[in-house]
Amino acid sequence: MYLKEYLKQFKDKKIKLFVDMDGVIVDYEFGAPGDYDIKRPLFDSIKKLEEVSKLPNVELFIFSVTRKNVGYDQKQGWLDRFAPFFKRENRIIISREANNYTESSLLKAQAMAEMERDGSVMILIDDDPRNLNKVHELNDDVYLLKDTVLVD
């Protein structure tokens, strides 16, 4: 698997791996926006991330933005159902509604800037180039990967 091979370069370091939901492990084009009861899981990506979560030096996080506050509980429920290996305490779900509808990319970049570094290698997997670019602007120490790292 490409992602596991990529992570080998950091084998002697702790890794904090942040994974976007929509478009990475959830088919966001399926169903109405925010309707997580019928969102289709991307099982291949989920399976690969579950395998990576078992690596001893990797701490896995969900790093997602929702339009409305209600999306927080919907995304939690979806994760409980389809990807429960993402620990509840490692699920970062930010509401745009609770943040004056600030652009998702800026919310992610600011949240990443506030993350504790503690010497860990910080890696973000996201499908949206706007998110990756904005995170890079505010966090030049974060490794950025497109969701295609989960495709072999």
C-alpha atoms as a PDB file:
ATOM      1  CA  MET A   1       0.000   0.000   0.000  1.00  0.00           C
ATOM      2  CA  TYR A   2       1.414   3.376  -1.029  1.00  0.00           C
ATOM      3  CA  LEU A   3       0.537   5.197   2.203  1.00  0.00           C
ATOM      4  CA  LYS A   4       2.272   2.591   4.373  1.00  0.00           C
ATOM      5  CA  GLU A   5       5.354   2.824   2.150  1.00  0.00           C
ATOM      6  CA  TYR A   6       5.278   6.625   2.407  1.00  0.00           C
ATOM      7  CA  LEU A   7       5.077   6.488   6.203  1.00  0.00           C
ATOM      8  CA  LYS A   8       8.166   4.255   6.428  1.00  0.00           C
ATOM      9  CA  GLN A   9      10.366   7.326   6.014  1.00  0.00           C
ATOM     10  CA  PHE A  10       9.140   8.392   9.479  1.00  0.00           C
ATOM     11  CA  LYS A  11       9.423   4.963  11.125  1.00  0.00           C
ATOM     12  CA  ASP A  12      11.487   6.285  14.038  1.00  0.00           C
ATOM     13  CA  LYS A  13       9.152   9.213  14.766  1.00  0.00           C
ATOM     14  CA  LYS A  14       5.662   9.648  16.116  1.00  0.00           C
ATOM     15  CA  ILE A  15       3.176  10.510  13.354  1.00  0.00           C
ATOM     16  CA  LYS A  16      -0.062  12.428  13.747  1.00  0.00           C
ATOM     17  CA  LEU A  17      -2.096  11.597  10.648  1.00  0.00           C
ATOM     18  CA  PHE A  18      -5.110  13.847  10.001  1.00  0.00           C
ATOM     19  CA  VAL A  19      -7.704  12.554   7.518  1.00  0.00           C
ATOM     20  CA  ASP A  20     -10.489  14.531   5.893  1.00  0.00           C
ATOM     21  CA  MET A  21     -13.875  12.783   5.672  1.00  0.00           C
ATOM     22  CA  ASP A  22     -15.846  14.096   2.689  1.00  0.00           C
ATOM     23  CA  GLY A  23     -14.348  12.785  -0.516  1.00  0.00           C
ATOM     24  CA  VAL A  24     -11.684  10.743   1.309  1.00  0.00           C
ATOM     25  CA  ILE A  25     -13.633   8.121   3.281  1.00  0.00           C
ATOM     26  CA  VAL A  26     -17.189   9.298   2.486  1.00  0.00           C
ATOM     27  CA  ASP A  27     -18.669   9.728  -0.974  1.00  0.00           C
ATOM     28  CA  TYR A  28     -19.858  13.316  -0.607  1.00  0.00           C
ATOM     29  CA  GLU A  29     -21.611  13.292  -3.972  1.00  0.00           C
ATOM     30  CA  PHE A  30     -24.022  10.617  -2.775  1.00  0.00           C
ATOM     31  CA  GLY A  31     -27.131  11.995  -1.072  1.00  0.00           C
ATOM     32  CA  ALA A  32     -27.981  15.524  -0.065  1.00  0.00           C
ATOM     33  CA  PRO A  33     -25.353  17.710   1.623  1.00  0.00           C
ATOM     34  CA  GLY A  34     -25.225  16.887   5.312  1.00  0.00           C
ATOM     35  CA  ASP A  35     -27.434  13.821   4.946  1.00  0.00           C
ATOM     36  CA  TYR A  36     -25.043  11.383   6.610  1.00  0.00           C
ATOM     37  CA  ASP A  37     -27.648   8.670   7.122  1.00  0.00           C
ATOM     38  CA  ILE A  38     -27.240   7.687   3.465  1.00  0.00           C
ATOM     39  CA  LYS A  39     -23.662   8.759   2.683  1.00  0.00           C
ATOM     40  CA  ARG A  40     -21.770   5.932   0.991  1.00  0.00           C
ATOM     41  CA  PRO A  41     -18.577   4.792   2.713  1.00  0.00           C
ATOM     42  CA  LEU A  42     -15.440   4.430   0.588  1.00  0.00           C
ATOM     43  CA  PHE A  43     -14.560   1.024   1.984  1.00  0.00           C
ATOM     44  CA  ASP A  44     -11.178   0.626   0.271  1.00  0.00           C
ATOM     45  CA  SER A  45      -9.883   3.852   1.812  1.00  0.00           C
ATOM     46  CA  ILE A  46     -11.395   3.004   5.190  1.00  0.00           C
ATOM     47  CA  LYS A  47      -9.750  -0.424   5.178  1.00  0.00           C
ATOM     48  CA  LYS A  48      -6.344   1.064   4.350  1.00  0.00           C
ATOM     49  CA  LEU A  49      -6.627   3.662   7.087  1.00  0.00           C
ATOM     50  CA  GLU A  50      -7.652   1.015   9.607  1.00  0.00           C
ATOM     51  CA  GLU A  51      -4.502  -0.907   8.700  1.00  0.00           C
ATOM     52  CA  VAL A  52      -2.383   2.252   9.105  1.00  0.00           C
ATOM     53  CA  SER A  53      -4.047   2.953  12.466  1.00  0.00           C
ATOM     54  CA  LYS A  54      -2.448  -0.226  13.806  1.00  0.00           C
ATOM     55  CA  LEU A  55       1.097   1.012  13.163  1.00  0.00           C
ATOM     56  CA  PRO A  56       2.720   1.649  16.544  1.00  0.00           C
ATOM     57  CA  ASN A  57       3.982   5.141  15.714  1.00  0.00           C
ATOM     58  CA  VAL A  58       0.787   6.475  14.081  1.00  0.00           C
ATOM     59  CA  GLU A  59      -1.946   8.416  15.849  1.00  0.00           C
ATOM     60  CA  LEU A  60      -4.927   8.756  13.513  1.00  0.00           C
ATOM     61  CA  PHE A  61      -7.327  11.715  13.511  1.00  0.00           C
ATOM     62  CA  ILE A  62     -10.443  12.674  11.580  1.00  0.00           C
ATOM     63  CA  PHE A  63     -10.130  16.304  10.505  1.00  0.00           C
ATOM     64  CA  SER A  64     -13.385  17.496   8.965  1.00  0.00           C
ATOM     65  CA  VAL A  65     -15.565  20.561   8.556  1.00  0.00           C
ATOM     66  CA  THR A  66     -19.366  20.597   8.526  1.00  0.00           C
ATOM     67  CA  ARG A  67     -21.610  23.391   7.295  1.00  0.00           C
ATOM     68  CA  LYS A  68     -24.104  23.247  10.144  1.00  0.00           C
ATOM     69  CA  ASN A  69     -23.790  22.406  13.838  1.00  0.00           C
ATOM     70  CA  VAL A  70     -26.059  19.375  13.376  1.00  0.00           C
ATOM     71  CA  GLY A  71     -23.424  17.891  11.063  1.00  0.00           C
ATOM     72  CA  TYR A  72     -21.186  17.228  14.062  1.00  0.00           C
ATOM     73  CA  ASP A  73     -23.488  14.533  15.448  1.00  0.00           C
ATOM     74  CA  GLN A  74     -24.238  13.187  11.971  1.00  0.00           C
ATOM     75  CA  LYS A  75     -20.552  12.732  11.206  1.00  0.00           C
ATOM     76  CA  GLN A  76     -19.913  11.160  14.623  1.00  0.00           C
ATOM     77  CA  GLY A  77     -22.696   8.654  13.985  1.00  0.00           C
ATOM     78  CA  TRP A  78     -21.360   7.851  10.525  1.00  0.00           C
ATOM     79  CA  LEU A  79     -17.872   7.252  11.942  1.00  0.00           C
ATOM     80  CA  ASP A  80     -19.270   5.062  14.729  1.00  0.00           C
ATOM     81  CA  ARG A  81     -21.002   2.964  12.081  1.00  0.00           C
ATOM     82  CA  PHE A  82     -18.359   2.728   9.337  1.00  0.00           C
ATOM     83  CA  ALA A  83     -14.979   3.681  10.837  1.00  0.00           C
ATOM     84  CA  PRO A  84     -15.087   3.154  14.607  1.00  0.00           C
ATOM     85  CA  PHE A  85     -11.294   2.737  14.766  1.00  0.00           C
ATOM     86  CA  PHE A  86     -11.132   6.555  14.667  1.00  0.00           C
ATOM     87  CA  LYS A  87     -11.199   7.172  18.408  1.00  0.00           C
ATOM     88  CA  ARG A  88     -13.811   9.678  19.575  1.00  0.00           C
ATOM     89  CA  GLU A  89     -11.127  11.823  21.216  1.00  0.00           C
ATOM     90  CA  ASN A  90      -9.309  11.990  17.855  1.00  0.00           C
ATOM     91  CA  ARG A  91     -12.264  13.257  15.844  1.00  0.00           C
ATOM     92  CA  ILE A  92     -11.878  16.929  15.030  1.00  0.00           C
ATOM     93  CA  ILE A  93     -15.107  18.117  13.415  1.00  0.00           C
ATOM     94  CA  ILE A  94     -15.403  21.876  12.987  1.00  0.00           C
ATOM     95  CA  SER A  95     -18.727  23.608  12.328  1.00  0.00           C
ATOM     96  CA  ARG A  96     -18.762  26.487   9.858  1.00  0.00           C
ATOM     97  CA  GLU A  97     -22.053  27.647  11.413  1.00  0.00           C
ATOM     98  CA  ALA A  98     -20.364  27.965  14.825  1.00  0.00           C
ATOM     99  CA  ASN A  99     -17.548  29.967  13.194  1.00  0.00           C
ATOM    100  CA  ASN A 100     -19.546  32.629  11.316  1.00  0.00           C
ATOM    101  CA  TYR A 101     -19.470  30.501   8.146  1.00  0.00           C
ATOM    102  CA  THR A 102     -15.737  30.992   7.759  1.00  0.00           C
ATOM    103  CA  GLU A 103     -14.337  29.232   4.697  1.00  0.00           C
ATOM    104  CA  SER A 104     -13.530  25.560   5.368  1.00  0.00           C
ATOM    105  CA  SER A 105      -9.957  25.864   4.162  1.00  0.00           C
ATOM    106  CA  LEU A 106      -9.218  28.691   6.598  1.00  0.00           C
ATOM    107  CA  LEU A 107     -10.878  26.836   9.493  1.00  0.00           C
ATOM    108  CA  LYS A 108      -8.702  23.793   8.794  1.00  0.00           C
ATOM    109  CA  ALA A 109      -5.537  25.857   8.428  1.00  0.00           C
ATOM    110  CA  GLN A 110      -6.160  27.720  11.691  1.00  0.00           C
ATOM    111  CA  ALA A 111      -7.049  24.541  13.579  1.00  0.00           C
ATOM    112  CA  MET A 112      -3.924  22.819  12.288  1.00  0.00           C
ATOM    113  CA  ALA A 113      -1.830  25.811  13.392  1.00  0.00           C
ATOM    114  CA  GLU A 114      -3.191  25.366  16.927  1.00  0.00           C
ATOM    115  CA  MET A 115      -2.409  21.619  17.089  1.00  0.00           C
ATOM    116  CA  GLU A 116       0.177  20.520  19.594  1.00  0.00           C
ATOM    117  CA  ARG A 117       3.320  19.512  17.718  1.00  0.00           C
ATOM    118  CA  ASP A 118       5.166  17.618  20.519  1.00  0.00           C
ATOM    119  CA  GLY A 119       7.851  16.572  18.045  1.00  0.00           C
ATOM    120  CA  SER A 120       5.409  14.530  15.962  1.00  0.00           C
ATOM    121  CA  VAL A 121       5.428  14.459  12.176  1.00  0.00           C
ATOM    122  CA  MET A 122       2.191  16.144  11.114  1.00  0.00           C
ATOM    123  CA  ILE A 123       0.505  14.793   7.973  1.00  0.00           C
ATOM    124  CA  LEU A 124      -2.814  15.805   6.406  1.00  0.00           C
ATOM    125  CA  ILE A 125      -4.712  13.769   3.806  1.00  0.00           C
ATOM    126  CA  ASP A 126      -7.375  15.804   1.996  1.00  0.00           C
ATOM    127  CA  ASP A 127      -9.062  15.733  -1.407  1.00  0.00           C
ATOM    128  CA  ASP A 128      -9.519  19.502  -1.766  1.00  0.00           C
ATOM    129  CA  PRO A 129      -6.521  21.459  -3.105  1.00  0.00           C
ATOM    130  CA  ARG A 130      -7.907  24.652  -1.516  1.00  0.00           C
ATOM    131  CA  ASN A 131      -7.652  23.030   1.915  1.00  0.00           C
ATOM    132  CA  LEU A 132      -4.161  21.733   1.242  1.00  0.00           C
ATOM    133  CA  ASN A 133      -2.958  25.111  -0.053  1.00  0.00           C
ATOM    134  CA  LYS A 134      -4.398  27.073   2.876  1.00  0.00           C
ATOM    135  CA  VAL A 135      -3.021  24.608   5.442  1.00  0.00           C
ATOM    136  CA  HIS A 136       0.385  24.963   3.772  1.00  0.00           C
ATOM    137  CA  GLU A 137       0.190  28.782   3.967  1.00  0.00           C
ATOM    138  CA  LEU A 138      -0.201  28.702   7.753  1.00  0.00           C
ATOM    139  CA  ASN A 139       1.660  25.459   8.543  1.00  0.00           C
ATOM    140  CA  ASP A 140       4.857  24.936   6.596  1.00  0.00           C
ATOM    141  CA  ASP A 141       5.778  21.989   8.838  1.00  0.00           C
ATOM    142  CA  VAL A 142       2.781  19.843   7.808  1.00  0.00           C
ATOM    143  CA  TYR A 143       3.200  17.174   5.133  1.00  0.00           C
ATOM    144  CA  LEU A 144       0.303  17.348   2.690  1.00  0.00           C
ATOM    145  CA  LEU A 145      -1.077  14.384   0.793  1.00  0.00           C
ATOM    146  CA  LYS A 146      -3.913  14.146  -1.694  1.00  0.00           C
ATOM    147  CA  ASP A 147      -6.508  11.448  -1.102  1.00  0.00           C
ATOM    148  CA  THR A 148      -4.965   9.545  -4.000  1.00  0.00           C
ATOM    149  CA  VAL A 149      -2.371   8.141  -1.557  1.00  0.00           C
ATOM    150  CA  LEU A 150      -5.133   5.719  -0.609  1.00  0.00           C
ATOM    151  CA  VAL A 151      -5.472   4.467  -4.181  1.00  0.00           C
ATOM    152  CA  ASP A 152      -3.099   1.702  -5.225  1.00  0.00           C
END
